[in-house]
Amino acid sequence: MGIFDFIKNEFIEVIEWVDQSNDTIIWKFTDQGNKIMNGAKLTVRESQNVVLMNEGEFGDLYLPGLHTLSTSNMPVTTSLESWKYLFDSPFKVDIYFISTKQFTNLKWGTSGAILLRDEEFGQVRLKSFGNFSISIIDSKKFIKEFSGTKPYIKVDDVEGQLKAVIASKFAEGIAQASIPVLDLATNYTEIGDKLMPVFQQEFDTWGIQLEKFYIESIMLPEEVEKILDKKTNLNILKNNLNEFNQFQAGISIEKISENPSTGDSAGIGAGILLNNLMGQNIQNQQENTLSKESSSSQQIELLKQLGELKQAGILTEEEFNIKKQEILSKL
């Protein structure tokens, strides 16, 4: 190899990045100490940006396309560089490729229980987790905040910081959403939409766009979950008094079996009363020829019996009020 061949090989004429990974955000072009030929070709593919830097200062930004690197069309970089050999000389700058595609299925989760104030339950502790997606919208800002002198940055290098922001702001966002605890499970989309602007304010400082934000689960305390389950059962049974009474009978039997000491006259009396109530309700359904006056008397009697069930502790105040309204509407 002659000396002229050595000099020729020292200069870089083609610059590109073929990303074969799924998790690289920044990749610094490896020039191996060589200088860039004036007029070298720079290929910027879709979902890429390129930023030039000279001695730690930002130069020109290149969007997708084929570009010719020449000191005559690099105004920002040229103003930073002290060109010793006019515009025909090779030059040396740092070249950073930035992936602008969406990075999806990033995980987030609250590290501990979050304290939430609720009108019905007071202070409630809950946990939540889900996933989110991001993209880079300000390449220079992202390089400044995350890259420094590193030759490459991967998603894992930034995911932890973003997860910390989401965890710290989650409680604030939930409070702003003002959604009752029992309605959280049915409002994941609404909650996510309200939380995204809260997170985006922080992401903006790094040149990152929060593209998607999903809540996969909100875990409530066990006692709240039980109340939610009970409300669901009541909603299913609210239009069928007979099934409602059978459901309550099962609860009373379960309570007596769990606590043998309650199998005294009060527990037995409640069971007999409940059986009579069920039998009377079935009889009422079959006797369609009863007069309006007789029917009203039966409804009043039924209301009294429900009151006795409430006093016996078999019906809650809320359950009693629901059935009371149903009976009164029939009088």
Protein backbone atom coordinates (compact mmCIF):
# COMPACT_ATOMS: atom_id res chain seq x y z
CA MET A 1 0.00 0.00 0.00
CA GLY A 2 1.45 3.36 -1.02
CA ILE A 3 1.42 6.48 1.06
CA PHE A 4 -1.38 7.98 -1.03
CA ASP A 5 -3.56 4.92 -0.39
CA PHE A 6 -2.99 5.34 3.34
CA ILE A 7 -4.01 8.98 3.21
CA LYS A 8 -7.11 8.13 1.18
CA ASN A 9 -8.23 5.45 3.65
CA GLU A 10 -7.82 7.89 6.51
CA PHE A 11 -10.78 9.97 5.34
CA ILE A 12 -14.40 8.96 5.82
CA GLU A 13 -16.69 9.32 2.80
CA VAL A 14 -19.90 7.49 3.82
CA ILE A 15 -21.69 7.91 7.14
CA GLU A 16 -24.77 5.89 8.15
CA TRP A 17 -26.29 3.82 10.93
CA VAL A 18 -28.11 0.57 10.29
CA ASP A 19 -29.83 -0.11 13.61
CA GLN A 20 -30.07 -3.85 14.20
CA SER A 21 -31.30 -3.50 17.77
CA ASN A 22 -34.71 -2.71 19.20
CA ASP A 23 -33.58 -0.74 22.22
CA THR A 24 -30.89 1.74 21.12
CA ILE A 25 -31.85 5.42 21.29
CA ILE A 26 -28.48 7.13 20.68
CA TRP A 27 -25.52 5.80 18.72
CA LYS A 28 -22.31 7.76 18.19
CA PHE A 29 -20.67 7.25 14.80
CA THR A 30 -17.37 5.43 15.29
CA ASP A 31 -14.81 7.32 13.23
CA GLN A 32 -11.83 5.53 14.85
CA GLY A 33 -9.94 8.78 14.89
CA ASN A 34 -10.33 9.39 11.16
CA LYS A 35 -11.42 12.69 9.67
CA ILE A 36 -14.48 13.22 7.51
CA MET A 37 -13.96 13.98 3.85
CA ASN A 38 -15.35 17.32 2.81
CA GLY A 39 -18.35 16.30 0.68
CA ALA A 40 -18.95 12.99 2.49
CA LYS A 41 -22.42 11.47 2.20
CA LEU A 42 -24.61 11.23 5.31
CA THR A 43 -27.60 8.89 5.16
CA VAL A 44 -30.32 9.57 7.73
CA ARG A 45 -33.04 6.92 7.61
CA GLU A 46 -36.68 7.26 8.58
CA SER A 47 -37.12 7.37 12.36
CA GLN A 48 -33.64 8.86 12.72
CA ASN A 49 -32.10 12.27 13.38
CA VAL A 50 -28.42 13.18 13.28
CA VAL A 51 -26.76 15.84 15.39
CA LEU A 52 -23.20 17.10 14.83
CA MET A 53 -21.13 18.28 17.79
CA ASN A 54 -17.82 20.08 17.87
CA GLU A 55 -15.84 20.07 21.11
CA GLY A 56 -19.00 19.57 23.17
CA GLU A 57 -21.08 22.22 21.38
CA PHE A 58 -24.09 21.43 19.23
CA GLY A 59 -23.75 21.85 15.49
CA ASP A 60 -26.19 21.12 12.67
CA LEU A 61 -29.25 18.87 12.91
CA TYR A 62 -30.14 16.56 10.00
CA LEU A 63 -33.55 15.01 9.36
CA PRO A 64 -34.24 11.86 7.26
CA GLY A 65 -32.69 11.98 3.80
CA LEU A 66 -29.32 11.91 1.98
CA HIS A 67 -27.07 14.82 2.92
CA THR A 68 -23.70 16.06 1.68
CA LEU A 69 -21.42 17.17 4.50
CA SER A 70 -19.61 20.20 3.22
CA THR A 71 -18.27 23.18 5.08
CA SER A 72 -20.29 25.32 2.69
CA ASN A 73 -23.65 23.85 3.82
CA MET A 74 -22.95 23.26 7.52
CA PRO A 75 -23.51 26.79 8.84
CA VAL A 76 -23.80 25.99 12.55
CA THR A 77 -20.91 23.55 12.69
CA THR A 78 -18.74 25.78 10.50
CA SER A 79 -19.28 28.68 12.87
CA LEU A 80 -18.05 26.51 15.75
CA GLU A 81 -15.03 25.03 13.98
CA SER A 82 -11.79 26.93 13.32
CA TRP A 83 -11.13 25.92 9.70
CA LYS A 84 -7.42 26.05 8.98
CA TYR A 85 -7.49 24.86 5.39
CA LEU A 86 -10.41 26.82 3.92
CA PHE A 87 -13.31 24.69 2.64
CA ASP A 88 -11.40 21.89 0.92
CA SER A 89 -9.94 20.20 3.97
CA PRO A 90 -11.24 17.15 5.82
CA PHE A 91 -12.74 17.93 9.20
CA LYS A 92 -13.46 16.17 12.48
CA VAL A 93 -16.76 16.39 14.39
CA ASP A 94 -18.75 14.06 16.63
CA ILE A 95 -21.78 12.57 14.87
CA TYR A 96 -24.72 11.28 16.94
CA PHE A 97 -27.58 9.25 15.48
CA ILE A 98 -30.84 9.46 17.44
CA SER A 99 -33.67 6.97 16.96
CA THR A 100 -37.03 8.77 16.88
CA LYS A 101 -39.22 5.66 16.62
CA GLN A 102 -41.65 4.72 19.36
CA PHE A 103 -40.28 2.56 22.15
CA THR A 104 -43.23 0.56 23.39
CA ASN A 105 -44.26 -1.68 26.28
CA LEU A 106 -42.11 0.06 28.88
CA LYS A 107 -43.21 -0.94 32.37
CA TRP A 108 -44.16 1.27 35.30
CA GLY A 109 -45.48 0.58 38.77
CA THR A 110 -45.84 2.23 42.15
CA SER A 111 -43.00 1.19 44.44
CA GLY A 112 -45.23 1.33 47.51
CA ALA A 113 -48.82 1.98 48.54
CA ILE A 114 -50.23 5.40 47.64
CA LEU A 115 -52.49 7.19 50.10
CA LEU A 116 -55.71 8.47 48.49
CA ARG A 117 -58.53 10.37 50.16
CA ASP A 118 -62.02 9.14 49.28
CA GLU A 119 -65.36 10.61 50.36
CA GLU A 120 -66.86 7.21 51.14
CA PHE A 121 -63.88 5.33 52.64
CA GLY A 122 -61.69 8.15 53.91
CA GLN A 123 -57.99 7.39 53.48
CA VAL A 124 -57.34 4.44 51.17
CA ARG A 125 -54.00 2.89 50.19
CA LEU A 126 -53.69 1.53 46.67
CA LYS A 127 -51.07 0.25 44.24
CA SER A 128 -51.04 0.32 40.45
CA PHE A 129 -48.97 -0.76 37.46
CA GLY A 130 -49.10 -0.65 33.66
CA ASN A 131 -47.04 0.22 30.59
CA PHE A 132 -46.17 3.25 28.46
CA SER A 133 -44.53 4.26 25.15
CA ILE A 134 -42.14 7.11 24.35
CA SER A 135 -40.37 8.78 21.43
CA ILE A 136 -37.65 11.42 21.15
CA ILE A 137 -38.89 14.77 19.83
CA ASP A 138 -35.95 17.05 20.75
CA SER A 139 -32.69 15.32 19.87
CA LYS A 140 -30.33 18.00 21.18
CA LYS A 141 -32.14 18.26 24.52
CA PHE A 142 -32.11 14.48 24.91
CA ILE A 143 -28.38 14.25 24.15
CA LYS A 144 -27.66 17.01 26.65
CA GLU A 145 -29.65 15.36 29.43
CA PHE A 146 -28.79 11.68 28.90
CA SER A 147 -25.82 11.15 26.61
CA GLY A 148 -22.92 13.34 27.61
CA THR A 149 -19.80 11.56 26.31
CA LYS A 150 -21.40 8.09 26.13
CA PRO A 151 -21.16 6.45 22.71
CA TYR A 152 -24.65 4.99 22.94
CA ILE A 153 -27.80 5.12 25.08
CA LYS A 154 -30.31 2.29 25.38
CA VAL A 155 -33.91 2.32 26.58
CA ASP A 156 -32.90 0.73 29.88
CA ASP A 157 -30.70 3.76 30.59
CA VAL A 158 -33.70 6.10 30.64
CA GLU A 159 -36.60 3.79 31.59
CA GLY A 160 -35.74 3.85 35.29
CA GLN A 161 -35.81 7.65 35.41
CA LEU A 162 -39.14 7.80 33.59
CA LYS A 163 -40.67 5.15 35.86
CA ALA A 164 -39.61 7.18 38.90
CA VAL A 165 -41.40 10.24 37.51
CA ILE A 166 -44.59 8.27 36.90
CA ALA A 167 -44.52 6.73 40.37
CA SER A 168 -43.97 10.09 42.09
CA LYS A 169 -46.66 11.87 40.09
CA PHE A 170 -49.24 9.08 40.09
CA ALA A 171 -50.80 10.05 43.43
CA GLU A 172 -51.00 13.67 42.33
CA GLY A 173 -52.69 12.70 39.09
CA ILE A 174 -55.20 10.37 40.77
CA ALA A 175 -56.16 13.15 43.17
CA GLN A 176 -56.73 15.56 40.29
CA ALA A 177 -58.93 13.00 38.53
CA SER A 178 -61.37 13.11 41.50
CA ILE A 179 -62.79 9.65 40.77
CA PRO A 180 -64.33 7.69 43.68
CA VAL A 181 -62.38 4.62 44.75
CA LEU A 182 -65.17 2.22 43.77
CA ASP A 183 -65.22 3.69 40.24
CA LEU A 184 -61.47 3.43 39.60
CA ALA A 185 -61.64 -0.03 38.03
CA THR A 186 -64.10 1.12 35.38
CA ASN A 187 -62.31 4.34 34.47
CA TYR A 188 -58.77 3.29 33.52
CA THR A 189 -58.91 5.12 30.18
CA GLU A 190 -60.25 8.33 31.70
CA ILE A 191 -57.64 8.24 34.46
CA GLY A 192 -54.84 7.62 31.95
CA ASP A 193 -55.95 10.55 29.79
CA LYS A 194 -55.91 12.86 32.81
CA LEU A 195 -52.53 11.63 34.01
CA MET A 196 -50.65 11.98 30.72
CA PRO A 197 -50.33 15.82 30.85
CA VAL A 198 -48.96 15.57 34.40
CA PHE A 199 -46.20 13.19 33.28
CA GLN A 200 -45.55 15.06 30.03
CA GLN A 201 -44.54 18.21 31.90
CA GLU A 202 -41.60 16.27 33.34
CA PHE A 203 -40.79 14.41 30.11
CA ASP A 204 -40.55 17.73 28.24
CA THR A 205 -37.38 18.59 30.16
CA TRP A 206 -35.65 15.64 28.46
CA GLY A 207 -37.03 16.11 24.95
CA ILE A 208 -39.23 13.00 25.30
CA GLN A 209 -42.81 12.60 24.13
CA LEU A 210 -45.10 10.31 26.15
CA GLU A 211 -46.94 8.59 23.30
CA LYS A 212 -49.06 6.09 25.23
CA PHE A 213 -49.89 5.50 28.87
CA TYR A 214 -51.89 2.51 30.09
CA ILE A 215 -53.12 1.44 33.51
CA GLU A 216 -53.33 -2.34 33.66
CA SER A 217 -54.43 -2.68 37.27
CA ILE A 218 -55.29 -0.66 40.36
CA MET A 219 -55.10 -2.82 43.48
CA LEU A 220 -57.44 -1.74 46.28
CA PRO A 221 -57.29 -2.84 49.93
CA GLU A 222 -58.96 -6.17 50.65
CA GLU A 223 -61.81 -4.64 52.64
CA VAL A 224 -62.67 -2.27 49.79
CA GLU A 225 -62.56 -5.16 47.30
CA LYS A 226 -65.11 -7.05 49.44
CA ILE A 227 -67.48 -4.08 49.44
CA LEU A 228 -67.11 -3.75 45.68
CA ASP A 229 -67.93 -7.44 45.23
CA LYS A 230 -70.99 -7.11 47.42
CA LYS A 231 -72.25 -4.10 45.47
CA THR A 232 -71.84 -6.07 42.25
CA ASN A 233 -73.94 -8.92 43.64
CA LEU A 234 -76.64 -6.51 44.76
CA ASN A 235 -76.79 -4.90 41.32
CA ILE A 236 -77.34 -8.31 39.75
CA LEU A 237 -80.13 -9.16 42.16
CA LYS A 238 -81.81 -5.79 42.60
CA ASN A 239 -84.57 -6.50 40.06
CA ASN A 240 -85.49 -9.84 41.52
CA LEU A 241 -86.69 -9.73 45.12
CA ASN A 242 -87.02 -13.50 45.38
CA GLU A 243 -83.40 -14.09 44.36
CA PHE A 244 -82.34 -11.26 46.66
CA ASN A 245 -84.01 -12.95 49.62
CA GLN A 246 -82.45 -16.30 48.75
CA PHE A 247 -79.08 -14.62 48.55
CA GLN A 248 -79.54 -13.08 52.00
CA ALA A 249 -80.73 -16.41 53.39
CA GLY A 250 -77.46 -17.96 52.28
CA ILE A 251 -75.54 -15.22 54.04
CA SER A 252 -77.48 -15.71 57.30
CA ILE A 253 -76.95 -19.49 57.22
CA GLU A 254 -73.24 -18.94 56.57
CA LYS A 255 -73.01 -16.54 59.51
CA ILE A 256 -74.74 -19.03 61.83
CA SER A 257 -72.51 -21.92 60.68
CA GLU A 258 -69.37 -19.83 61.20
CA ASN A 259 -70.53 -18.79 64.67
CA PRO A 260 -72.28 -21.70 66.44
CA SER A 261 -72.95 -19.48 69.42
CA THR A 262 -75.38 -17.48 67.32
CA GLY A 263 -77.52 -20.55 66.82
CA ASP A 264 -79.75 -19.43 69.71
CA SER A 265 -83.32 -18.24 69.52
CA ALA A 266 -82.30 -14.98 67.83
CA GLY A 267 -80.41 -16.76 65.04
CA ILE A 268 -83.09 -19.42 64.64
CA GLY A 269 -85.82 -16.80 64.72
CA ALA A 270 -84.05 -14.82 61.98
CA GLY A 271 -83.81 -17.97 59.89
CA ILE A 272 -87.49 -18.82 60.36
CA LEU A 273 -88.44 -15.24 59.60
CA LEU A 274 -86.38 -15.30 56.43
CA ASN A 275 -87.95 -18.59 55.30
CA ASN A 276 -91.41 -17.19 55.93
CA LEU A 277 -90.47 -14.10 53.97
CA MET A 278 -89.32 -16.17 51.00
CA GLY A 279 -92.44 -18.36 51.12
CA GLN A 280 -94.69 -15.36 51.33
CA ASN A 281 -92.98 -13.72 48.37
CA ILE A 282 -93.47 -16.85 46.22
CA GLN A 283 -97.09 -17.04 47.26
CA ASN A 284 -97.58 -13.40 46.36
CA GLN A 285 -96.26 -14.04 42.88
CA GLN A 286 -98.71 -16.91 42.35
CA GLU A 287 -101.82 -15.16 43.68
CA ASN A 288 -102.44 -12.69 40.92
CA THR A 289 -106.10 -12.28 41.91
CA LEU A 290 -105.43 -10.53 45.18
CA SER A 291 -107.05 -7.17 45.56
CA LYS A 292 -105.06 -3.95 45.62
CA GLU A 293 -105.88 -3.46 49.28
CA SER A 294 -104.65 -6.94 50.20
CA SER A 295 -101.50 -6.45 48.14
CA SER A 296 -100.71 -3.19 49.94
CA SER A 297 -101.08 -4.89 53.31
CA GLN A 298 -98.68 -7.61 52.26
CA GLN A 299 -96.15 -5.05 51.11
CA ILE A 300 -96.34 -3.28 54.46
CA GLU A 301 -95.90 -6.59 56.26
CA LEU A 302 -92.95 -7.38 54.05
CA LEU A 303 -91.42 -4.01 54.95
CA LYS A 304 -91.78 -4.82 58.66
CA GLN A 305 -90.09 -8.16 58.19
CA LEU A 306 -87.21 -6.54 56.33
CA GLY A 307 -86.83 -4.16 59.27
CA GLU A 308 -86.55 -7.14 61.61
CA LEU A 309 -83.84 -8.65 59.38
CA LYS A 310 -81.90 -5.40 59.57
CA GLN A 311 -82.16 -5.36 63.36
CA ALA A 312 -80.95 -8.97 63.46
CA GLY A 313 -77.82 -7.90 61.56
CA ILE A 314 -78.61 -9.96 58.47
CA LEU A 315 -79.31 -6.93 56.28
CA THR A 316 -77.10 -3.84 56.19
CA GLU A 317 -78.55 -0.34 56.35
CA GLU A 318 -77.83 0.18 52.66
CA GLU A 319 -79.44 -3.14 51.63
CA PHE A 320 -82.53 -2.37 53.73
CA ASN A 321 -82.92 1.08 52.16
CA ILE A 322 -82.72 -0.37 48.65
CA LYS A 323 -85.50 -2.89 49.28
CA LYS A 324 -87.51 -0.33 51.22
CA GLN A 325 -87.62 1.97 48.18
CA GLU A 326 -88.70 -0.94 45.97
CA ILE A 327 -91.58 -1.83 48.30
CA LEU A 328 -92.73 1.76 48.79
CA SER A 329 -92.85 2.26 45.03
CA LYS A 330 -95.44 -0.53 44.81
CA LEU A 331 -97.82 0.95 47.41
